[in-house]
Amino acid sequence: MRMARGTHLYVFAYDIERDRARARVAKLLENELVRVQKSVFEGRMTPTAARRIAKKIGREIAPTDSLRVYAVTAQGIDASLSIGAAPIGEKSAFLLF
């Protein structure tokens, strides 16, 4: 699978105790990424964009909450498995609804 130069697939996973903070983080991620589980989102972006999103989330969560951000290379995507859901889609310039 080819990705645009300088981009990776990023996976954001969180564990946030407070409902309000969790809702704000989910909304922020829904604006940028695709939700694949209740607290797991993925999308292709540059490292700079991933850091920007993580920094925004860091302002919303408590010290006892957690956020994990994983960068998946093209080789990692090729070795990954997806069962029971749509496969990781190709990046396109636009979405049709």
N, C-alpha and C. Protein backbone atom coordinates (compact mmCIF):
# COMPACT_ATOMS: atom_id res chain seq x y z
N MET A 1 0.85 -1.17 0.00
CA MET A 1 0.00 0.00 0.00
C MET A 1 0.90 1.24 0.00
N ARG A 2 0.63 2.16 -0.90
CA ARG A 2 1.44 3.37 -1.01
C ARG A 2 0.79 4.49 -0.21
N MET A 3 1.63 5.28 0.42
CA MET A 3 1.17 6.45 1.15
C MET A 3 1.86 7.67 0.58
N ALA A 4 1.19 8.80 0.71
CA ALA A 4 1.80 10.04 0.25
C ALA A 4 3.12 10.25 0.97
N ARG A 5 4.06 10.83 0.26
CA ARG A 5 5.39 11.06 0.84
C ARG A 5 5.27 11.87 2.14
N GLY A 6 5.95 11.41 3.17
CA GLY A 6 5.95 12.12 4.44
C GLY A 6 4.77 11.80 5.35
N THR A 7 3.87 10.92 4.91
CA THR A 7 2.74 10.57 5.76
C THR A 7 2.85 9.13 6.24
N HIS A 8 2.21 8.88 7.35
CA HIS A 8 2.11 7.53 7.91
C HIS A 8 0.67 7.32 8.32
N LEU A 9 0.32 6.08 8.53
CA LEU A 9 -0.95 5.78 9.18
C LEU A 9 -0.70 5.95 10.67
N TYR A 10 -1.51 6.76 11.32
CA TYR A 10 -1.41 6.94 12.76
C TYR A 10 -2.62 6.34 13.43
N VAL A 11 -2.38 5.67 14.55
CA VAL A 11 -3.44 5.10 15.36
C VAL A 11 -3.41 5.82 16.71
N PHE A 12 -4.54 6.42 17.07
CA PHE A 12 -4.70 7.10 18.35
C PHE A 12 -5.62 6.26 19.21
N ALA A 13 -5.18 5.91 20.40
CA ALA A 13 -5.99 5.13 21.34
C ALA A 13 -5.94 5.82 22.70
N TYR A 14 -7.08 5.93 23.34
CA TYR A 14 -7.11 6.63 24.62
C TYR A 14 -7.92 5.88 25.67
N ASP A 15 -7.61 6.19 26.92
CA ASP A 15 -8.37 5.73 28.08
C ASP A 15 -8.57 6.97 28.94
N ILE A 16 -9.78 7.50 28.92
CA ILE A 16 -10.09 8.75 29.61
C ILE A 16 -11.25 8.51 30.56
N GLU A 17 -11.05 8.82 31.82
CA GLU A 17 -12.05 8.52 32.85
C GLU A 17 -13.27 9.44 32.79
N ARG A 18 -13.06 10.73 32.69
CA ARG A 18 -14.17 11.69 32.77
C ARG A 18 -14.96 11.74 31.45
N ASP A 19 -16.28 11.64 31.56
CA ASP A 19 -17.15 11.61 30.38
C ASP A 19 -16.98 12.86 29.51
N ARG A 20 -16.95 14.01 30.16
CA ARG A 20 -16.88 15.26 29.39
C ARG A 20 -15.57 15.36 28.60
N ALA A 21 -14.46 15.05 29.24
CA ALA A 21 -13.16 15.09 28.55
C ALA A 21 -13.12 14.04 27.44
N ARG A 22 -13.66 12.86 27.71
CA ARG A 22 -13.68 11.80 26.71
C ARG A 22 -14.50 12.23 25.49
N ALA A 23 -15.63 12.89 25.72
CA ALA A 23 -16.47 13.37 24.61
C ALA A 23 -15.74 14.44 23.79
N ARG A 24 -15.03 15.33 24.47
CA ARG A 24 -14.28 16.38 23.75
C ARG A 24 -13.17 15.78 22.90
N VAL A 25 -12.45 14.80 23.46
CA VAL A 25 -11.37 14.16 22.72
C VAL A 25 -11.93 13.38 21.53
N ALA A 26 -13.02 12.67 21.74
CA ALA A 26 -13.64 11.92 20.63
C ALA A 26 -14.05 12.87 19.51
N LYS A 27 -14.64 14.00 19.85
CA LYS A 27 -15.06 14.98 18.83
C LYS A 27 -13.86 15.52 18.07
N LEU A 28 -12.80 15.84 18.78
CA LEU A 28 -11.58 16.33 18.14
C LEU A 28 -11.05 15.30 17.15
N LEU A 29 -10.98 14.04 17.58
CA LEU A 29 -10.46 12.99 16.71
C LEU A 29 -11.40 12.70 15.54
N GLU A 30 -12.71 12.74 15.78
CA GLU A 30 -13.67 12.50 14.69
C GLU A 30 -13.53 13.54 13.58
N ASN A 31 -13.09 14.74 13.92
CA ASN A 31 -12.90 15.79 12.92
C ASN A 31 -11.67 15.54 12.05
N GLU A 32 -10.75 14.71 12.52
CA GLU A 32 -9.48 14.51 11.82
C GLU A 32 -9.26 13.09 11.31
N LEU A 33 -9.87 12.10 11.97
CA LEU A 33 -9.55 10.69 11.73
C LEU A 33 -10.82 9.87 11.58
N VAL A 34 -10.64 8.57 11.40
CA VAL A 34 -11.75 7.63 11.29
C VAL A 34 -11.80 6.80 12.56
N ARG A 35 -12.98 6.73 13.16
CA ARG A 35 -13.14 5.91 14.37
C ARG A 35 -13.23 4.45 13.96
N VAL A 36 -12.39 3.60 14.57
CA VAL A 36 -12.40 2.17 14.27
C VAL A 36 -12.85 1.34 15.47
N GLN A 37 -12.81 1.90 16.65
CA GLN A 37 -13.32 1.31 17.89
C GLN A 37 -13.80 2.48 18.75
N LYS A 38 -14.41 2.19 19.88
CA LYS A 38 -14.92 3.28 20.72
C LYS A 38 -13.85 4.30 21.10
N SER A 39 -12.66 3.84 21.39
CA SER A 39 -11.60 4.77 21.80
C SER A 39 -10.35 4.64 20.93
N VAL A 40 -10.54 4.20 19.68
CA VAL A 40 -9.41 4.02 18.76
C VAL A 40 -9.77 4.68 17.43
N PHE A 41 -8.86 5.53 16.96
CA PHE A 41 -9.04 6.24 15.70
C PHE A 41 -7.80 6.04 14.84
N GLU A 42 -7.97 6.12 13.52
CA GLU A 42 -6.81 6.01 12.64
C GLU A 42 -6.97 6.95 11.45
N GLY A 43 -5.83 7.33 10.89
CA GLY A 43 -5.83 8.18 9.72
C GLY A 43 -4.41 8.43 9.25
N ARG A 44 -4.30 8.82 7.99
CA ARG A 44 -2.99 9.12 7.41
C ARG A 44 -2.71 10.60 7.54
N MET A 45 -1.49 10.90 8.01
CA MET A 45 -1.11 12.30 8.19
C MET A 45 0.40 12.39 8.35
N THR A 46 0.88 13.60 8.40
CA THR A 46 2.30 13.84 8.63
C THR A 46 2.60 13.74 10.12
N PRO A 47 3.86 13.52 10.47
CA PRO A 47 4.23 13.52 11.89
C PRO A 47 3.88 14.84 12.58
N THR A 48 4.01 15.95 11.87
CA THR A 48 3.68 17.25 12.45
C THR A 48 2.20 17.32 12.80
N ALA A 49 1.34 16.85 11.91
CA ALA A 49 -0.10 16.85 12.18
C ALA A 49 -0.44 15.95 13.36
N ALA A 50 0.20 14.80 13.44
CA ALA A 50 -0.06 13.87 14.56
C ALA A 50 0.35 14.51 15.88
N ARG A 51 1.49 15.18 15.91
CA ARG A 51 1.93 15.86 17.13
C ARG A 51 0.97 16.99 17.51
N ARG A 52 0.48 17.71 16.52
CA ARG A 52 -0.47 18.81 16.78
C ARG A 52 -1.74 18.27 17.44
N ILE A 53 -2.28 17.18 16.91
CA ILE A 53 -3.48 16.58 17.48
C ILE A 53 -3.20 16.05 18.89
N ALA A 54 -2.09 15.37 19.07
CA ALA A 54 -1.74 14.83 20.39
C ALA A 54 -1.59 15.96 21.42
N LYS A 55 -1.02 17.08 21.01
CA LYS A 55 -0.86 18.21 21.91
C LYS A 55 -2.22 18.77 22.33
N LYS A 56 -3.16 18.86 21.38
CA LYS A 56 -4.52 19.32 21.71
C LYS A 56 -5.17 18.38 22.71
N ILE A 57 -5.01 17.08 22.48
CA ILE A 57 -5.60 16.10 23.40
C ILE A 57 -4.96 16.20 24.77
N GLY A 58 -3.66 16.42 24.80
CA GLY A 58 -2.95 16.55 26.07
C GLY A 58 -3.50 17.65 26.95
N ARG A 59 -4.05 18.69 26.34
CA ARG A 59 -4.65 19.79 27.11
C ARG A 59 -6.02 19.41 27.68
N GLU A 60 -6.63 18.36 27.15
CA GLU A 60 -7.97 17.96 27.57
C GLU A 60 -7.98 16.87 28.64
N ILE A 61 -6.91 16.11 28.75
CA ILE A 61 -6.96 14.93 29.62
C ILE A 61 -6.24 15.16 30.94
N ALA A 62 -6.62 14.36 31.93
CA ALA A 62 -6.02 14.42 33.27
C ALA A 62 -4.73 13.60 33.30
N PRO A 63 -3.88 13.85 34.29
CA PRO A 63 -2.64 13.09 34.41
C PRO A 63 -2.86 11.58 34.56
N THR A 64 -4.01 11.18 35.07
CA THR A 64 -4.30 9.75 35.24
C THR A 64 -4.87 9.10 33.98
N ASP A 65 -5.22 9.91 32.97
CA ASP A 65 -5.72 9.39 31.69
C ASP A 65 -4.53 9.01 30.82
N SER A 66 -4.81 8.34 29.71
CA SER A 66 -3.70 8.00 28.81
C SER A 66 -4.10 8.17 27.35
N LEU A 67 -3.11 8.50 26.56
CA LEU A 67 -3.22 8.58 25.11
C LEU A 67 -2.02 7.87 24.52
N ARG A 68 -2.26 7.01 23.57
CA ARG A 68 -1.18 6.35 22.82
C ARG A 68 -1.34 6.74 21.36
N VAL A 69 -0.23 7.08 20.72
CA VAL A 69 -0.22 7.41 19.30
C VAL A 69 0.83 6.54 18.64
N TYR A 70 0.39 5.72 17.71
CA TYR A 70 1.30 4.80 17.01
C TYR A 70 1.41 5.20 15.55
N ALA A 71 2.62 5.28 15.03
CA ALA A 71 2.87 5.51 13.61
C ALA A 71 3.11 4.15 12.96
N VAL A 72 2.35 3.86 11.92
CA VAL A 72 2.46 2.58 11.23
C VAL A 72 3.02 2.84 9.83
N THR A 73 4.15 2.24 9.54
CA THR A 73 4.77 2.41 8.22
C THR A 73 4.03 1.58 7.18
N ALA A 74 4.33 1.81 5.91
CA ALA A 74 3.71 1.03 4.83
C ALA A 74 3.99 -0.46 5.02
N GLN A 75 5.19 -0.80 5.44
CA GLN A 75 5.53 -2.20 5.69
C GLN A 75 4.69 -2.76 6.83
N GLY A 76 4.47 -1.98 7.85
CA GLY A 76 3.63 -2.41 8.96
C GLY A 76 2.18 -2.62 8.55
N ILE A 77 1.67 -1.75 7.67
CA ILE A 77 0.31 -1.92 7.17
C ILE A 77 0.20 -3.21 6.38
N ASP A 78 1.18 -3.48 5.53
CA ASP A 78 1.16 -4.71 4.73
C ASP A 78 1.14 -5.96 5.61
N ALA A 79 1.73 -5.88 6.80
CA ALA A 79 1.80 -7.03 7.70
C ALA A 79 0.62 -7.08 8.68
N SER A 80 -0.27 -6.08 8.63
CA SER A 80 -1.38 -6.00 9.58
C SER A 80 -2.58 -6.82 9.13
N LEU A 81 -3.42 -7.14 10.09
CA LEU A 81 -4.65 -7.88 9.83
C LEU A 81 -5.84 -7.06 10.28
N SER A 82 -6.97 -7.18 9.57
CA SER A 82 -8.22 -6.55 9.96
C SER A 82 -9.31 -7.59 9.79
N ILE A 83 -9.99 -7.93 10.88
CA ILE A 83 -11.03 -8.95 10.84
C ILE A 83 -12.33 -8.32 11.34
N GLY A 84 -13.40 -8.50 10.60
CA GLY A 84 -14.71 -8.05 11.05
C GLY A 84 -15.04 -6.60 10.77
N ALA A 85 -14.19 -5.89 10.11
CA ALA A 85 -14.45 -4.49 9.77
C ALA A 85 -13.84 -4.20 8.42
N ALA A 86 -14.17 -3.05 7.90
CA ALA A 86 -13.62 -2.65 6.61
C ALA A 86 -12.10 -2.54 6.70
N PRO A 87 -11.40 -2.90 5.64
CA PRO A 87 -9.94 -2.76 5.65
C PRO A 87 -9.54 -1.29 5.68
N ILE A 88 -8.30 -1.05 6.00
CA ILE A 88 -7.78 0.31 6.00
C ILE A 88 -7.87 0.83 4.58
N GLY A 89 -8.57 1.94 4.41
CA GLY A 89 -8.81 2.48 3.08
C GLY A 89 -7.65 3.26 2.52
N GLU A 90 -7.68 3.43 1.22
CA GLU A 90 -6.68 4.25 0.55
C GLU A 90 -6.95 5.71 0.86
N LYS A 91 -5.92 6.49 0.94
CA LYS A 91 -6.10 7.92 1.13
C LYS A 91 -6.54 8.53 -0.19
N SER A 92 -7.57 9.35 -0.13
CA SER A 92 -8.04 10.02 -1.34
C SER A 92 -8.09 11.52 -1.09
N ALA A 93 -8.21 12.26 -2.16
CA ALA A 93 -8.21 13.72 -2.06
C ALA A 93 -9.53 14.24 -1.50
N PHE A 94 -10.60 13.46 -1.59
CA PHE A 94 -11.90 13.92 -1.12
C PHE A 94 -12.76 12.73 -0.74
N LEU A 95 -13.82 13.02 0.00
CA LEU A 95 -14.77 11.99 0.40
C LEU A 95 -16.12 12.33 -0.20
N LEU A 96 -16.85 11.33 -0.63
CA LEU A 96 -18.20 11.52 -1.14
C LEU A 96 -19.19 10.97 -0.12
N PHE A 97 -20.22 11.75 0.16
CA PHE A 97 -21.25 11.30 1.10
C PHE A 97 -22.58 11.23 0.39
